[in-house]
N, C-alpha and C. Protein backbone atom coordinates (compact mmCIF):
# COMPACT_ATOMS: atom_id res chain seq x y z
N MET A 1 98.83 80.73 105.33
CA MET A 1 99.40 81.97 105.84
C MET A 1 99.07 83.12 104.87
N ASP A 2 98.82 84.29 105.42
CA ASP A 2 98.46 85.45 104.61
C ASP A 2 99.63 85.94 103.77
N GLN A 3 99.30 86.31 102.55
CA GLN A 3 100.29 86.94 101.68
C GLN A 3 100.11 88.45 101.78
N VAL A 4 101.22 89.17 101.60
CA VAL A 4 101.22 90.63 101.56
C VAL A 4 102.12 91.05 100.42
N ILE A 5 101.64 91.99 99.62
CA ILE A 5 102.47 92.62 98.60
C ILE A 5 103.04 93.88 99.23
N ASP A 6 104.36 93.95 99.33
CA ASP A 6 105.06 95.09 99.92
C ASP A 6 105.71 95.88 98.80
N ILE A 7 105.32 97.15 98.65
CA ILE A 7 105.88 98.01 97.60
C ILE A 7 106.64 99.14 98.26
N ASP A 8 107.95 99.17 98.01
CA ASP A 8 108.85 100.17 98.58
C ASP A 8 109.16 101.20 97.50
N ILE A 9 108.54 102.37 97.61
CA ILE A 9 108.71 103.43 96.60
C ILE A 9 110.16 103.88 96.52
N SER A 10 110.82 104.07 97.66
CA SER A 10 112.20 104.57 97.63
C SER A 10 113.15 103.58 96.99
N ALA A 11 112.91 102.29 97.16
CA ALA A 11 113.76 101.25 96.56
C ALA A 11 113.27 100.81 95.18
N GLN A 12 112.05 101.24 94.80
CA GLN A 12 111.44 100.81 93.54
C GLN A 12 111.41 99.28 93.45
N ARG A 13 110.92 98.64 94.53
CA ARG A 13 110.84 97.17 94.61
C ARG A 13 109.46 96.75 95.06
N LEU A 14 109.04 95.63 94.55
CA LEU A 14 107.82 94.95 95.00
C LEU A 14 108.23 93.59 95.50
N ARG A 15 107.75 93.24 96.68
CA ARG A 15 108.02 91.92 97.25
C ARG A 15 106.70 91.28 97.64
N LEU A 16 106.48 90.08 97.16
CA LEU A 16 105.34 89.29 97.61
C LEU A 16 105.85 88.43 98.75
N LYS A 17 105.26 88.61 99.94
CA LYS A 17 105.72 87.90 101.13
C LYS A 17 104.61 87.01 101.67
N GLU A 18 105.05 85.93 102.24
CA GLU A 18 104.17 85.04 102.97
C GLU A 18 104.87 84.76 104.28
N GLY A 19 104.40 85.41 105.34
CA GLY A 19 105.13 85.36 106.60
C GLY A 19 106.49 86.00 106.40
N GLU A 20 107.54 85.29 106.78
CA GLU A 20 108.91 85.79 106.61
C GLU A 20 109.50 85.45 105.25
N ARG A 21 108.82 84.59 104.49
CA ARG A 21 109.32 84.16 103.18
C ARG A 21 109.00 85.18 102.10
N THR A 22 109.97 85.44 101.22
CA THR A 22 109.74 86.28 100.05
C THR A 22 109.52 85.36 98.86
N LEU A 23 108.34 85.44 98.27
CA LEU A 23 107.97 84.57 97.14
C LEU A 23 108.33 85.20 95.80
N LEU A 24 108.37 86.53 95.76
CA LEU A 24 108.71 87.26 94.53
C LEU A 24 109.34 88.57 94.95
N ASP A 25 110.43 88.94 94.29
CA ASP A 25 111.12 90.21 94.53
C ASP A 25 111.42 90.79 93.16
N ALA A 26 110.78 91.92 92.83
CA ALA A 26 110.88 92.45 91.47
C ALA A 26 111.03 93.97 91.48
N PRO A 27 111.78 94.49 90.51
CA PRO A 27 111.84 95.95 90.36
C PRO A 27 110.51 96.46 89.80
N VAL A 28 110.17 97.70 90.15
CA VAL A 28 108.95 98.33 89.67
C VAL A 28 109.25 99.76 89.28
N SER A 29 108.25 100.41 88.73
CA SER A 29 108.31 101.85 88.47
C SER A 29 107.04 102.45 89.05
N THR A 30 107.20 103.37 89.99
CA THR A 30 106.06 104.05 90.61
C THR A 30 105.93 105.46 90.02
N GLY A 31 105.11 106.29 90.63
CA GLY A 31 104.79 107.60 90.08
C GLY A 31 105.98 108.52 89.88
N LEU A 32 106.06 109.06 88.69
CA LEU A 32 107.11 110.03 88.35
C LEU A 32 107.06 111.23 89.29
N ARG A 33 105.88 111.58 89.76
CA ARG A 33 105.71 112.74 90.64
C ARG A 33 105.84 112.39 92.11
N GLY A 34 106.28 111.16 92.40
CA GLY A 34 106.52 110.76 93.78
C GLY A 34 105.31 110.13 94.45
N ALA A 35 105.31 110.19 95.77
CA ALA A 35 104.24 109.60 96.56
C ALA A 35 103.21 110.66 96.90
N GLY A 36 101.95 110.26 96.89
CA GLY A 36 100.86 111.17 97.25
C GLY A 36 99.52 110.53 96.96
N GLU A 37 98.52 111.03 97.63
CA GLU A 37 97.23 110.36 97.59
C GLU A 37 96.12 111.14 96.86
N VAL A 38 96.33 112.39 96.55
CA VAL A 38 95.25 113.25 96.04
C VAL A 38 94.90 112.93 94.59
N MET A 39 93.60 112.93 94.32
CA MET A 39 93.06 112.71 92.98
C MET A 39 93.76 113.61 91.97
N ASP A 40 94.07 113.06 90.80
CA ASP A 40 94.69 113.75 89.66
C ASP A 40 96.12 114.21 89.92
N SER A 41 96.74 113.76 91.00
CA SER A 41 98.12 114.15 91.31
C SER A 41 99.14 113.36 90.50
N GLU A 42 98.74 112.19 89.98
CA GLU A 42 99.63 111.26 89.30
C GLU A 42 100.76 110.78 90.22
N CYS A 43 100.51 110.80 91.52
CA CYS A 43 101.43 110.27 92.52
C CYS A 43 100.98 108.87 92.93
N THR A 44 101.91 108.09 93.45
CA THR A 44 101.59 106.75 93.95
C THR A 44 101.11 106.86 95.39
N PRO A 45 99.91 106.33 95.68
CA PRO A 45 99.36 106.43 97.02
C PRO A 45 100.04 105.48 98.01
N ARG A 46 100.20 105.95 99.23
CA ARG A 46 100.81 105.15 100.29
C ARG A 46 99.75 104.51 101.17
N GLY A 47 100.21 103.60 102.02
CA GLY A 47 99.34 102.99 103.00
C GLY A 47 98.85 101.61 102.58
N TRP A 48 97.87 101.12 103.36
CA TRP A 48 97.34 99.77 103.15
C TRP A 48 96.24 99.79 102.10
N HIS A 49 96.33 98.82 101.21
CA HIS A 49 95.37 98.60 100.14
C HIS A 49 95.02 97.11 100.09
N VAL A 50 94.06 96.77 99.26
CA VAL A 50 93.78 95.38 98.91
C VAL A 50 93.63 95.29 97.40
N VAL A 51 93.92 94.10 96.86
CA VAL A 51 93.62 93.83 95.45
C VAL A 51 92.10 93.66 95.38
N CYS A 52 91.43 94.56 94.66
CA CYS A 52 89.97 94.49 94.59
C CYS A 52 89.48 93.85 93.29
N GLU A 53 90.31 93.84 92.26
CA GLU A 53 89.96 93.16 91.01
C GLU A 53 91.23 92.66 90.34
N LYS A 54 91.09 91.51 89.69
CA LYS A 54 92.17 90.94 88.86
C LYS A 54 91.62 90.91 87.43
N ILE A 55 92.36 91.58 86.54
CA ILE A 55 91.87 91.74 85.17
C ILE A 55 92.92 91.21 84.19
N GLY A 56 92.45 90.42 83.22
CA GLY A 56 93.34 89.96 82.15
C GLY A 56 93.65 88.49 82.16
N ASP A 57 93.06 87.73 83.06
CA ASP A 57 93.33 86.30 83.14
C ASP A 57 93.12 85.65 81.78
N GLY A 58 94.14 84.92 81.31
CA GLY A 58 94.05 84.20 80.06
C GLY A 58 94.43 85.01 78.82
N GLU A 59 94.61 86.31 78.97
CA GLU A 59 95.02 87.13 77.82
C GLU A 59 96.50 86.88 77.52
N PRO A 60 96.89 86.96 76.24
CA PRO A 60 98.31 86.79 75.89
C PRO A 60 99.18 87.92 76.45
N MET A 61 100.46 87.62 76.62
CA MET A 61 101.41 88.64 77.05
C MET A 61 101.40 89.79 76.04
N ASN A 62 101.56 91.00 76.55
CA ASN A 62 101.58 92.24 75.76
C ASN A 62 100.21 92.67 75.26
N THR A 63 99.13 92.04 75.78
CA THR A 63 97.78 92.53 75.47
C THR A 63 97.67 93.97 75.97
N VAL A 64 97.13 94.85 75.14
CA VAL A 64 96.94 96.25 75.49
C VAL A 64 95.55 96.42 76.11
N PHE A 65 95.51 97.11 77.26
CA PHE A 65 94.25 97.42 77.93
C PHE A 65 94.02 98.93 77.91
N VAL A 66 92.79 99.31 77.62
CA VAL A 66 92.33 100.69 77.75
C VAL A 66 91.01 100.62 78.50
N GLY A 67 90.89 101.38 79.58
CA GLY A 67 89.69 101.31 80.40
C GLY A 67 89.47 99.92 80.97
N ARG A 68 90.56 99.22 81.27
CA ARG A 68 90.55 97.88 81.85
C ARG A 68 90.00 96.82 80.90
N ARG A 69 89.90 97.13 79.63
CA ARG A 69 89.42 96.15 78.66
C ARG A 69 90.49 95.93 77.59
N PRO A 70 90.66 94.67 77.16
CA PRO A 70 91.62 94.43 76.08
C PRO A 70 91.14 95.09 74.79
N THR A 71 92.07 95.73 74.11
CA THR A 71 91.72 96.45 72.87
C THR A 71 91.78 95.55 71.64
N GLY A 72 92.36 94.35 71.80
CA GLY A 72 92.61 93.50 70.63
C GLY A 72 93.99 93.76 70.04
N GLU A 73 94.70 94.74 70.60
CA GLU A 73 96.05 95.07 70.14
C GLU A 73 97.08 94.37 71.03
N PHE A 74 98.26 94.21 70.48
CA PHE A 74 99.41 93.70 71.23
C PHE A 74 100.52 94.72 71.08
N TYR A 75 101.15 95.06 72.20
CA TYR A 75 102.16 96.10 72.19
C TYR A 75 103.31 95.77 71.24
N SER A 76 103.74 96.79 70.51
CA SER A 76 104.94 96.73 69.67
C SER A 76 105.48 98.15 69.55
N PRO A 77 106.76 98.29 69.19
CA PRO A 77 107.30 99.64 68.99
C PRO A 77 106.54 100.41 67.91
N GLU A 78 106.04 99.69 66.91
CA GLU A 78 105.27 100.34 65.85
C GLU A 78 103.95 100.90 66.40
N LEU A 79 103.31 100.13 67.28
CA LEU A 79 102.07 100.59 67.90
C LEU A 79 102.34 101.82 68.76
N ARG A 80 103.49 101.84 69.45
CA ARG A 80 103.86 103.01 70.25
C ARG A 80 103.99 104.24 69.36
N GLN A 81 104.57 104.08 68.18
CA GLN A 81 104.71 105.21 67.26
C GLN A 81 103.35 105.74 66.82
N GLU A 82 102.38 104.83 66.66
CA GLU A 82 101.02 105.24 66.27
C GLU A 82 100.30 105.96 67.41
N HIS A 83 100.64 105.63 68.66
CA HIS A 83 99.97 106.19 69.84
C HIS A 83 101.02 106.66 70.84
N PRO A 84 101.77 107.73 70.52
CA PRO A 84 102.90 108.13 71.36
C PRO A 84 102.52 108.61 72.77
N ASP A 85 101.29 109.04 72.98
CA ASP A 85 100.90 109.58 74.29
C ASP A 85 100.12 108.59 75.15
N ARG A 86 99.97 107.36 74.68
CA ARG A 86 99.20 106.37 75.43
C ARG A 86 99.95 105.93 76.68
N ASP A 87 99.20 105.78 77.78
CA ASP A 87 99.76 105.21 79.01
C ASP A 87 99.61 103.70 78.87
N TRP A 88 100.70 103.00 78.61
CA TRP A 88 100.65 101.58 78.24
C TRP A 88 100.38 100.70 79.45
N ILE A 89 99.23 100.07 79.44
CA ILE A 89 98.83 99.12 80.48
C ILE A 89 98.70 97.77 79.78
N LEU A 90 99.61 96.86 80.13
CA LEU A 90 99.73 95.61 79.38
C LEU A 90 99.57 94.37 80.28
N THR A 91 99.20 93.28 79.64
CA THR A 91 99.28 91.90 80.12
C THR A 91 98.30 91.56 81.25
N ARG A 92 98.42 92.18 82.42
CA ARG A 92 97.56 91.91 83.57
C ARG A 92 97.40 93.19 84.39
N ILE A 93 96.27 93.27 85.10
CA ILE A 93 95.99 94.41 85.98
C ILE A 93 95.54 93.88 87.34
N LEU A 94 96.17 94.38 88.39
CA LEU A 94 95.68 94.20 89.75
C LEU A 94 95.22 95.57 90.22
N TRP A 95 93.90 95.74 90.34
CA TRP A 95 93.31 97.03 90.71
C TRP A 95 93.32 97.13 92.23
N LEU A 96 93.80 98.26 92.75
CA LEU A 96 93.95 98.43 94.19
C LEU A 96 92.86 99.34 94.77
N SER A 97 92.43 98.98 95.96
CA SER A 97 91.48 99.79 96.72
C SER A 97 92.12 100.11 98.07
N GLY A 98 92.15 101.38 98.43
CA GLY A 98 92.69 101.78 99.73
C GLY A 98 91.80 101.30 100.86
N THR A 99 92.39 101.10 102.02
CA THR A 99 91.62 100.63 103.18
C THR A 99 91.67 101.62 104.35
N GLU A 100 92.37 102.74 104.16
CA GLU A 100 92.53 103.71 105.25
C GLU A 100 91.71 104.96 104.95
N SER A 101 90.55 105.06 105.62
CA SER A 101 89.64 106.19 105.40
C SER A 101 90.36 107.53 105.59
N GLY A 102 90.19 108.42 104.61
CA GLY A 102 90.82 109.73 104.67
C GLY A 102 92.25 109.76 104.20
N ARG A 103 92.91 108.60 104.10
CA ARG A 103 94.29 108.55 103.61
C ARG A 103 94.34 108.06 102.17
N ASN A 104 93.68 106.94 101.88
CA ASN A 104 93.68 106.39 100.52
C ASN A 104 92.32 105.77 100.17
N HIS A 105 91.31 106.09 100.98
CA HIS A 105 89.96 105.55 100.78
C HIS A 105 88.94 106.66 101.03
N GLN A 106 88.03 106.82 100.10
CA GLN A 106 86.95 107.80 100.12
C GLN A 106 87.46 109.21 99.82
N GLY A 107 86.54 110.03 99.37
CA GLY A 107 86.84 111.43 99.08
C GLY A 107 87.83 111.59 97.94
N ASN A 108 88.63 112.65 98.01
CA ASN A 108 89.56 112.96 96.92
C ASN A 108 90.90 112.23 97.04
N VAL A 109 90.95 111.19 97.90
CA VAL A 109 92.17 110.38 98.05
C VAL A 109 91.89 108.90 97.80
N ASP A 110 90.77 108.57 97.17
CA ASP A 110 90.36 107.18 97.00
C ASP A 110 91.17 106.51 95.89
N SER A 111 92.01 105.54 96.26
CA SER A 111 92.90 104.87 95.30
C SER A 111 92.12 104.15 94.20
N ARG A 112 91.01 103.51 94.56
CA ARG A 112 90.21 102.81 93.54
C ARG A 112 89.65 103.80 92.53
N GLU A 113 89.12 104.89 93.02
CA GLU A 113 88.56 105.92 92.12
C GLU A 113 89.65 106.60 91.30
N ARG A 114 90.89 106.54 91.77
CA ARG A 114 92.04 107.08 91.03
C ARG A 114 92.55 106.08 90.00
N TYR A 115 91.98 104.87 89.98
CA TYR A 115 92.40 103.81 89.06
C TYR A 115 93.87 103.46 89.25
N ILE A 116 94.23 103.18 90.49
CA ILE A 116 95.60 102.78 90.81
C ILE A 116 95.71 101.27 90.64
N TYR A 117 96.64 100.86 89.77
CA TYR A 117 96.85 99.45 89.45
C TYR A 117 98.31 99.05 89.66
N ILE A 118 98.51 97.75 89.78
CA ILE A 118 99.80 97.13 89.51
C ILE A 118 99.58 96.50 88.14
N HIS A 119 100.42 96.84 87.16
CA HIS A 119 100.18 96.36 85.80
C HIS A 119 101.48 96.17 85.03
N GLY A 120 101.38 95.44 83.94
CA GLY A 120 102.51 95.24 83.05
C GLY A 120 102.75 96.47 82.20
N CYS A 121 103.98 96.57 81.68
CA CYS A 121 104.34 97.70 80.83
C CYS A 121 105.29 97.22 79.72
N PRO A 122 105.50 98.05 78.70
CA PRO A 122 106.42 97.67 77.63
C PRO A 122 107.82 97.40 78.15
N GLU A 123 108.50 96.48 77.49
CA GLU A 123 109.87 96.14 77.88
C GLU A 123 110.83 97.31 77.73
N ASP A 124 110.47 98.28 76.87
CA ASP A 124 111.35 99.43 76.68
C ASP A 124 111.03 100.59 77.63
N GLU A 125 110.08 100.40 78.55
CA GLU A 125 109.81 101.40 79.60
C GLU A 125 110.82 101.21 80.71
N GLY A 126 111.19 102.28 81.34
CA GLY A 126 112.13 102.19 82.45
C GLY A 126 111.51 101.52 83.66
N ILE A 127 112.18 100.53 84.20
CA ILE A 127 111.77 99.87 85.44
C ILE A 127 112.91 100.08 86.43
N GLY A 128 112.57 100.28 87.69
CA GLY A 128 113.60 100.52 88.70
C GLY A 128 113.77 101.99 89.02
N ALA A 129 112.98 102.84 88.35
CA ALA A 129 113.00 104.28 88.60
C ALA A 129 111.58 104.81 88.43
N PRO A 130 111.20 105.85 89.15
CA PRO A 130 109.87 106.41 88.99
C PRO A 130 109.62 106.83 87.55
N GLY A 131 108.39 106.60 87.07
CA GLY A 131 108.08 106.98 85.69
C GLY A 131 106.61 106.86 85.33
N SER A 132 105.79 106.33 86.23
CA SER A 132 104.38 106.10 85.91
C SER A 132 103.53 107.33 86.24
N ARG A 133 102.25 107.20 85.95
CA ARG A 133 101.28 108.25 86.28
C ARG A 133 100.59 107.94 87.61
N GLY A 134 101.28 107.20 88.49
CA GLY A 134 100.76 106.88 89.81
C GLY A 134 100.63 105.40 90.07
N CYS A 135 100.50 104.62 89.00
CA CYS A 135 100.39 103.17 89.15
C CYS A 135 101.75 102.55 89.45
N ILE A 136 101.74 101.24 89.66
CA ILE A 136 102.96 100.48 89.88
C ILE A 136 103.16 99.61 88.65
N ARG A 137 104.19 99.91 87.88
CA ARG A 137 104.49 99.16 86.65
C ARG A 137 105.48 98.04 86.94
N MET A 138 105.27 96.91 86.24
CA MET A 138 106.17 95.76 86.37
C MET A 138 106.46 95.20 84.98
N ARG A 139 107.52 94.42 84.89
CA ARG A 139 107.80 93.65 83.68
C ARG A 139 106.66 92.66 83.47
N ASN A 140 106.35 92.34 82.22
CA ASN A 140 105.21 91.49 81.90
C ASN A 140 105.30 90.09 82.52
N GLU A 141 106.47 89.48 82.47
CA GLU A 141 106.60 88.14 83.04
C GLU A 141 106.35 88.18 84.54
N GLN A 142 106.79 89.25 85.19
CA GLN A 142 106.65 89.35 86.64
C GLN A 142 105.22 89.67 87.06
N ILE A 143 104.52 90.50 86.29
CA ILE A 143 103.11 90.76 86.64
C ILE A 143 102.29 89.49 86.44
N MET A 144 102.64 88.69 85.42
CA MET A 144 101.92 87.42 85.23
C MET A 144 102.15 86.50 86.43
N GLU A 145 103.38 86.42 86.90
CA GLU A 145 103.67 85.58 88.06
C GLU A 145 102.93 86.07 89.29
N LEU A 146 102.98 87.39 89.54
CA LEU A 146 102.30 87.96 90.69
C LEU A 146 100.79 87.71 90.59
N PHE A 147 100.22 87.97 89.44
CA PHE A 147 98.79 87.78 89.19
C PHE A 147 98.36 86.35 89.52
N ASN A 148 99.18 85.40 89.11
CA ASN A 148 98.85 83.98 89.33
C ASN A 148 98.99 83.55 90.79
N ARG A 149 99.76 84.31 91.57
CA ARG A 149 100.02 83.92 92.97
C ARG A 149 99.09 84.58 93.98
N VAL A 150 98.42 85.66 93.60
CA VAL A 150 97.60 86.39 94.57
C VAL A 150 96.11 86.25 94.26
N GLN A 151 95.30 86.60 95.25
CA GLN A 151 93.85 86.53 95.13
C GLN A 151 93.25 87.92 95.35
N ILE A 152 92.01 88.07 94.95
CA ILE A 152 91.27 89.27 95.35
C ILE A 152 91.26 89.29 96.87
N GLY A 153 91.54 90.44 97.44
CA GLY A 153 91.61 90.57 98.89
C GLY A 153 93.02 90.54 99.44
N THR A 154 94.02 90.17 98.60
CA THR A 154 95.41 90.19 99.07
C THR A 154 95.75 91.61 99.52
N ARG A 155 96.37 91.72 100.69
CA ARG A 155 96.75 93.01 101.22
C ARG A 155 98.01 93.55 100.53
N VAL A 156 98.04 94.87 100.35
CA VAL A 156 99.14 95.56 99.68
C VAL A 156 99.55 96.73 100.56
N TYR A 157 100.84 96.81 100.87
CA TYR A 157 101.37 97.92 101.67
C TYR A 157 102.33 98.73 100.81
N ILE A 158 102.03 100.00 100.60
CA ILE A 158 102.86 100.88 99.78
C ILE A 158 103.47 101.94 100.71
N HIS A 159 104.80 102.06 100.65
CA HIS A 159 105.49 102.97 101.57
C HIS A 159 106.76 103.50 100.91
N GLU A 160 107.33 104.54 101.57
CA GLU A 160 108.59 105.13 101.08
C GLU A 160 109.75 104.58 101.87
């Protein structure tokens, strides 16, 4: 049976569903600036997407990624003090590609070109309230579980 990742922006929840069954239900943090699809808006894009890449398999928890590559660093409060403006992308990345032409695919609304991910974040980041730069942030243990349960091509529905 097909799996679907359902992301409810208004509830700040992610649910991995298989048919009527919920396999994972987790709080998330979406874009601080709300929902929206335009390039450089830092909003979370709505509509249907697919997981187009899975990044970080086998990396330890709290691995820091920059440009989708592990930096060799592991998140700590001390590292945050050294890099106070860094957008912390940790542990695992599920890169999303929009499937709706003109809404979240192609042109200035292309989710993949906007680098929209579901990814891990520091434990001291707020989860359950908007706060990201457009991505969907999750607790590290939960992104690891989600990462291990889904495949490239898994459908993702993001809505308010």
